[in-house]
Every structure is written in C-alpha cells, then in structure tokens.
N, C-alpha and C. Protein backbone atom coordinates (compact mmCIF):
# COMPACT_ATOMS: atom_id res chain seq x y z
N UNK A 1 36.77 6.23 -11.25
CA UNK A 1 36.91 5.32 -10.13
C UNK A 1 35.52 4.93 -9.63
N UNK A 2 35.31 3.65 -9.42
CA UNK A 2 34.04 3.14 -8.90
C UNK A 2 34.19 2.87 -7.41
N UNK A 3 33.68 3.78 -6.56
CA UNK A 3 33.80 3.61 -5.11
C UNK A 3 32.71 2.73 -4.53
N UNK A 4 31.58 2.60 -5.22
CA UNK A 4 30.48 1.77 -4.71
C UNK A 4 30.17 2.10 -3.27
N UNK A 5 30.00 1.06 -2.42
CA UNK A 5 29.66 1.30 -1.02
C UNK A 5 30.80 1.87 -0.18
N UNK A 6 32.01 1.95 -0.73
CA UNK A 6 33.13 2.48 0.04
C UNK A 6 32.96 3.95 0.40
N UNK A 7 32.27 4.71 -0.46
CA UNK A 7 32.08 6.15 -0.22
C UNK A 7 31.05 6.32 0.89
N UNK A 8 31.52 6.46 2.12
CA UNK A 8 30.64 6.53 3.28
C UNK A 8 31.46 6.97 4.49
N UNK A 9 30.79 7.10 5.62
CA UNK A 9 31.46 7.32 6.89
C UNK A 9 31.38 6.03 7.68
N UNK A 10 32.53 5.56 8.14
CA UNK A 10 32.67 4.28 8.80
C UNK A 10 33.14 4.52 10.23
N UNK A 11 32.60 3.76 11.19
CA UNK A 11 32.91 4.01 12.59
C UNK A 11 33.49 2.78 13.27
N UNK A 12 34.23 3.03 14.34
CA UNK A 12 34.74 1.98 15.23
C UNK A 12 34.87 2.59 16.61
N UNK A 13 35.08 1.78 17.62
CA UNK A 13 35.19 2.32 18.97
C UNK A 13 36.39 3.25 19.11
N UNK A 14 37.38 3.12 18.23
CA UNK A 14 38.61 3.90 18.33
C UNK A 14 38.68 5.06 17.35
N UNK A 15 37.70 5.20 16.44
CA UNK A 15 37.79 6.30 15.49
C UNK A 15 36.79 6.26 14.36
N UNK A 16 37.03 7.10 13.37
CA UNK A 16 36.12 7.28 12.23
C UNK A 16 36.95 7.35 10.94
N UNK A 17 36.47 6.66 9.91
CA UNK A 17 37.05 6.72 8.57
C UNK A 17 35.98 7.29 7.65
N UNK A 18 36.30 8.36 6.94
CA UNK A 18 35.37 8.95 5.98
C UNK A 18 35.99 8.91 4.60
N UNK A 19 35.26 8.29 3.66
CA UNK A 19 35.71 8.23 2.27
C UNK A 19 34.72 9.04 1.44
N UNK A 20 35.21 10.12 0.83
CA UNK A 20 34.36 11.00 0.03
C UNK A 20 34.20 10.46 -1.39
N UNK A 21 33.17 10.93 -2.06
CA UNK A 21 32.88 10.48 -3.43
C UNK A 21 34.01 10.80 -4.40
N UNK A 22 34.83 11.80 -4.09
CA UNK A 22 35.95 12.15 -4.99
C UNK A 22 37.20 11.31 -4.73
N UNK A 23 37.12 10.36 -3.76
CA UNK A 23 38.24 9.48 -3.48
C UNK A 23 39.18 9.96 -2.40
N UNK A 24 38.92 11.13 -1.81
CA UNK A 24 39.73 11.55 -0.68
C UNK A 24 39.21 10.88 0.58
N UNK A 25 40.08 10.68 1.56
CA UNK A 25 39.64 10.07 2.81
C UNK A 25 40.33 10.72 3.99
N UNK A 26 39.67 10.63 5.15
CA UNK A 26 40.24 11.07 6.41
C UNK A 26 40.06 9.96 7.42
N UNK A 27 41.02 9.85 8.32
CA UNK A 27 40.96 8.90 9.42
C UNK A 27 41.16 9.70 10.70
N UNK A 28 40.23 9.57 11.64
CA UNK A 28 40.34 10.24 12.94
C UNK A 28 40.37 9.15 14.00
N UNK A 29 41.51 9.04 14.68
CA UNK A 29 41.71 8.01 15.70
C UNK A 29 41.76 8.70 17.06
N UNK A 30 41.04 8.16 18.03
CA UNK A 30 41.08 8.72 19.38
C UNK A 30 42.47 8.53 19.97
N UNK A 31 42.98 9.60 20.53
CA UNK A 31 44.31 9.57 21.15
C UNK A 31 44.16 9.09 22.59
N UNK A 32 44.54 7.85 22.86
CA UNK A 32 44.37 7.30 24.20
C UNK A 32 45.28 7.98 25.22
N UNK A 33 46.33 8.68 24.76
CA UNK A 33 47.23 9.38 25.67
C UNK A 33 46.79 10.82 25.92
N UNK A 34 45.85 11.31 25.10
CA UNK A 34 45.35 12.67 25.27
C UNK A 34 44.07 12.67 26.08
N UNK A 35 43.34 13.77 25.98
CA UNK A 35 42.06 13.88 26.66
C UNK A 35 40.99 13.10 25.93
N UNK A 36 39.78 13.03 26.50
CA UNK A 36 38.71 12.23 25.91
C UNK A 36 38.25 12.72 24.53
N UNK A 37 38.50 13.97 24.21
CA UNK A 37 38.07 14.51 22.92
C UNK A 37 39.22 14.71 21.95
N UNK A 38 40.42 14.27 22.29
CA UNK A 38 41.59 14.42 21.42
C UNK A 38 41.57 13.36 20.32
N UNK A 39 41.85 13.79 19.11
CA UNK A 39 41.98 12.84 18.01
C UNK A 39 43.27 13.10 17.26
N UNK A 40 43.77 12.05 16.63
CA UNK A 40 44.92 12.13 15.74
C UNK A 40 44.38 11.91 14.34
N UNK A 41 44.72 12.80 13.43
CA UNK A 41 44.14 12.77 12.10
C UNK A 41 45.14 12.37 11.03
N UNK A 42 44.61 11.68 10.01
CA UNK A 42 45.38 11.35 8.82
C UNK A 42 44.47 11.57 7.63
N UNK A 43 45.07 11.84 6.49
CA UNK A 43 44.27 12.02 5.27
C UNK A 43 45.05 11.55 4.07
N UNK A 44 44.32 11.30 3.00
CA UNK A 44 44.94 10.83 1.78
C UNK A 44 43.94 10.75 0.65
N UNK A 45 44.32 10.03 -0.39
CA UNK A 45 43.42 9.88 -1.54
C UNK A 45 43.58 8.48 -2.12
N UNK A 46 42.49 8.03 -2.73
CA UNK A 46 42.49 6.73 -3.39
C UNK A 46 43.01 6.90 -4.81
N UNK A 47 43.76 5.92 -5.27
CA UNK A 47 44.32 5.97 -6.63
C UNK A 47 43.57 5.04 -7.58
N UNK A 48 42.89 4.03 -7.01
CA UNK A 48 42.08 3.13 -7.83
C UNK A 48 41.02 2.49 -6.95
N UNK A 49 39.89 2.14 -7.57
CA UNK A 49 38.81 1.47 -6.83
C UNK A 49 37.94 0.72 -7.81
N UNK A 50 37.44 -0.46 -7.37
CA UNK A 50 36.59 -1.26 -8.25
C UNK A 50 35.19 -1.49 -7.67
N UNK A 51 34.83 -0.75 -6.64
CA UNK A 51 33.50 -0.87 -6.04
C UNK A 51 33.50 -1.65 -4.73
N UNK A 52 34.44 -2.57 -4.55
CA UNK A 52 34.52 -3.31 -3.30
C UNK A 52 35.91 -3.24 -2.66
N UNK A 53 36.88 -2.74 -3.38
CA UNK A 53 38.21 -2.54 -2.80
C UNK A 53 38.85 -1.32 -3.47
N UNK A 54 39.81 -0.75 -2.77
CA UNK A 54 40.48 0.44 -3.28
C UNK A 54 41.91 0.48 -2.77
N UNK A 55 42.76 1.11 -3.55
CA UNK A 55 44.13 1.37 -3.15
C UNK A 55 44.34 2.86 -3.13
N UNK A 56 45.18 3.31 -2.22
CA UNK A 56 45.45 4.74 -2.12
C UNK A 56 46.71 4.99 -1.34
N UNK A 57 46.83 6.23 -0.88
CA UNK A 57 48.03 6.63 -0.16
C UNK A 57 47.65 7.64 0.92
N UNK A 58 48.24 7.45 2.11
CA UNK A 58 48.11 8.43 3.19
C UNK A 58 49.16 9.50 2.92
N UNK A 59 48.71 10.75 2.76
CA UNK A 59 49.62 11.83 2.39
C UNK A 59 49.93 12.79 3.53
N UNK A 60 49.13 12.73 4.59
CA UNK A 60 49.33 13.63 5.73
C UNK A 60 48.89 12.87 6.98
N UNK A 61 49.70 12.98 8.04
CA UNK A 61 49.33 12.25 9.26
C UNK A 61 49.85 12.96 10.50
N UNK A 62 49.10 12.82 11.58
CA UNK A 62 49.54 13.24 12.91
C UNK A 62 49.90 12.01 13.73
N UNK A 63 49.87 10.84 13.09
CA UNK A 63 50.04 9.59 13.81
C UNK A 63 51.33 8.90 13.41
N UNK A 64 52.40 9.12 14.13
CA UNK A 64 53.65 8.44 13.79
C UNK A 64 53.58 6.96 14.11
N UNK A 65 54.42 6.21 13.44
CA UNK A 65 54.51 4.78 13.74
C UNK A 65 55.05 4.61 15.17
N UNK A 66 54.83 3.55 15.86
CA UNK A 66 54.15 2.34 15.40
C UNK A 66 52.65 2.31 15.76
N UNK A 67 52.15 3.31 16.46
CA UNK A 67 50.79 3.23 16.99
C UNK A 67 49.72 3.82 16.10
N UNK A 68 50.07 4.51 15.06
CA UNK A 68 49.08 5.19 14.25
C UNK A 68 49.08 4.77 12.80
N UNK A 69 48.64 5.68 11.96
CA UNK A 69 48.58 5.46 10.52
C UNK A 69 49.74 6.22 9.89
N UNK A 70 50.77 5.52 9.44
CA UNK A 70 51.92 6.21 8.85
C UNK A 70 51.65 6.66 7.42
N UNK A 71 52.50 7.51 6.91
CA UNK A 71 52.44 7.90 5.50
C UNK A 71 52.68 6.68 4.63
N UNK A 72 52.06 6.65 3.46
CA UNK A 72 52.33 5.56 2.53
C UNK A 72 51.08 4.87 2.04
N UNK A 73 51.27 3.74 1.34
CA UNK A 73 50.18 3.03 0.68
C UNK A 73 49.17 2.44 1.66
N UNK A 74 47.93 2.34 1.20
CA UNK A 74 46.84 1.76 1.97
C UNK A 74 45.94 0.97 1.04
N UNK A 75 45.33 -0.09 1.57
CA UNK A 75 44.35 -0.89 0.82
C UNK A 75 43.08 -0.95 1.66
N UNK A 76 41.94 -0.67 1.05
CA UNK A 76 40.66 -0.69 1.74
C UNK A 76 39.76 -1.70 1.05
N UNK A 77 39.15 -2.58 1.85
CA UNK A 77 38.28 -3.63 1.31
C UNK A 77 36.92 -3.58 1.98
N UNK A 78 35.85 -3.61 1.18
CA UNK A 78 34.50 -3.69 1.70
C UNK A 78 34.15 -5.14 1.97
N UNK A 79 33.62 -5.42 3.16
CA UNK A 79 33.24 -6.77 3.55
C UNK A 79 31.71 -6.82 3.64
N UNK A 80 31.09 -7.37 2.61
CA UNK A 80 29.63 -7.35 2.50
C UNK A 80 28.94 -8.05 3.68
N UNK A 81 29.46 -9.20 4.10
CA UNK A 81 28.83 -9.99 5.16
C UNK A 81 28.67 -9.22 6.47
N UNK A 82 29.58 -8.32 6.76
CA UNK A 82 29.52 -7.55 8.01
C UNK A 82 29.25 -6.07 7.78
N UNK A 83 29.02 -5.68 6.51
CA UNK A 83 28.79 -4.27 6.16
C UNK A 83 29.87 -3.39 6.79
N UNK A 84 31.12 -3.80 6.61
CA UNK A 84 32.24 -3.09 7.20
C UNK A 84 33.36 -2.93 6.17
N UNK A 85 34.38 -2.18 6.53
CA UNK A 85 35.56 -2.06 5.68
C UNK A 85 36.80 -2.37 6.50
N UNK A 86 37.80 -2.95 5.84
CA UNK A 86 39.11 -3.16 6.43
C UNK A 86 40.05 -2.13 5.84
N UNK A 87 40.71 -1.39 6.70
CA UNK A 87 41.70 -0.39 6.32
C UNK A 87 43.05 -1.02 6.61
N UNK A 88 43.75 -1.45 5.56
CA UNK A 88 44.97 -2.22 5.73
C UNK A 88 46.17 -1.40 5.25
N UNK A 89 47.14 -1.28 6.15
CA UNK A 89 48.36 -0.55 5.82
C UNK A 89 49.53 -1.28 6.45
N UNK A 90 50.24 -2.03 5.62
CA UNK A 90 51.32 -2.86 6.15
C UNK A 90 50.75 -3.90 7.09
N UNK A 91 51.21 -3.92 8.33
CA UNK A 91 50.72 -4.88 9.33
C UNK A 91 49.50 -4.36 10.08
N UNK A 92 49.11 -3.12 9.84
CA UNK A 92 47.96 -2.53 10.52
C UNK A 92 46.69 -2.86 9.75
N UNK A 93 45.70 -3.45 10.43
CA UNK A 93 44.42 -3.78 9.82
C UNK A 93 43.34 -3.29 10.78
N UNK A 94 42.70 -2.16 10.42
CA UNK A 94 41.66 -1.59 11.26
C UNK A 94 40.30 -1.83 10.62
N UNK A 95 39.34 -2.29 11.40
CA UNK A 95 38.00 -2.51 10.91
C UNK A 95 37.08 -1.39 11.31
N UNK A 96 36.30 -0.89 10.35
CA UNK A 96 35.31 0.17 10.59
C UNK A 96 33.95 -0.32 10.11
N UNK A 97 32.89 0.03 10.83
CA UNK A 97 31.55 -0.46 10.52
C UNK A 97 30.64 0.65 9.97
N UNK A 98 29.51 0.22 9.42
CA UNK A 98 28.47 1.13 8.95
C UNK A 98 27.24 0.95 9.84
N UNK A 99 26.19 1.71 9.56
CA UNK A 99 24.95 1.57 10.33
C UNK A 99 24.31 0.19 10.14
N UNK A 100 24.70 -0.53 9.08
CA UNK A 100 24.12 -1.85 8.79
C UNK A 100 24.93 -3.00 9.38
N UNK A 101 26.05 -2.71 10.04
CA UNK A 101 26.88 -3.77 10.62
C UNK A 101 26.22 -4.36 11.86
N UNK A 102 26.52 -5.62 12.17
CA UNK A 102 25.98 -6.23 13.40
C UNK A 102 26.37 -5.42 14.63
N UNK A 103 25.47 -5.31 15.58
CA UNK A 103 25.72 -4.57 16.81
C UNK A 103 26.98 -5.09 17.50
N UNK A 104 27.88 -4.18 17.84
CA UNK A 104 29.11 -4.54 18.54
C UNK A 104 30.20 -5.10 17.66
N UNK A 105 29.96 -5.24 16.36
CA UNK A 105 30.96 -5.87 15.48
C UNK A 105 32.30 -5.13 15.50
N UNK A 106 32.27 -3.82 15.40
CA UNK A 106 33.50 -3.02 15.43
C UNK A 106 33.74 -2.42 16.81
N UNK A 107 33.05 -2.90 17.80
CA UNK A 107 33.24 -2.38 19.14
C UNK A 107 32.60 -1.03 19.35
N UNK A 108 31.78 -0.60 18.37
CA UNK A 108 31.15 0.74 18.49
C UNK A 108 29.92 0.66 19.38
C-alpha cells in the first residue's frame, strides 16, 4: 500500500486523525456533551491506498450515529492545495489539516 502523505497526524478544531505507516488509523473527536478533555474514539484500517487517496473500514467506535463516526467503510483523500485530508464516510465529510495547511483552514 502506498500511503504517501496520508501517513501523518491530522488536526481540526474538533479532533485528531492519525494514520500510521501500517495503514491503521485512529480518530479522536472531542465530545461536546462531555467535559473539555473528553474524547470519543474510533479506529480502523485501510484496505487500499494509492498515495493520495485510500479506502478502509472503521472497525471499532465509541461514536454512534448520527453524530459520530459509525462502523463501516471510509474514504480518505489528500488535498494538496490545502495540505489537508477529507475523511468521508457516507454523508459525513470531516476535514483535517497538517502543519502546512493555511492558518485557520480546519478551524484549528
């Protein structure tokens, strides 16, 4: 699998997406109903990647629908122009940024 720039830690005002070199990933979303340090976690693995996009599956989650990341397929796309990634799962499209993204782009 060619992860290219996808293998990184990506941030947003609402959470963090980490994609490891072995294709596993974790998503930590701030729980707006909990305390300031509470997070809801999801994890999974990528099944294919071509360096700028990847497909995978969320295999474990603390985030039930409709507000979180449900179990099931996911598509991740690297957006070169903004040095960010889109985490797309059904109708959910979350954007996460890198240190090279424009200031404020992901609300971080």
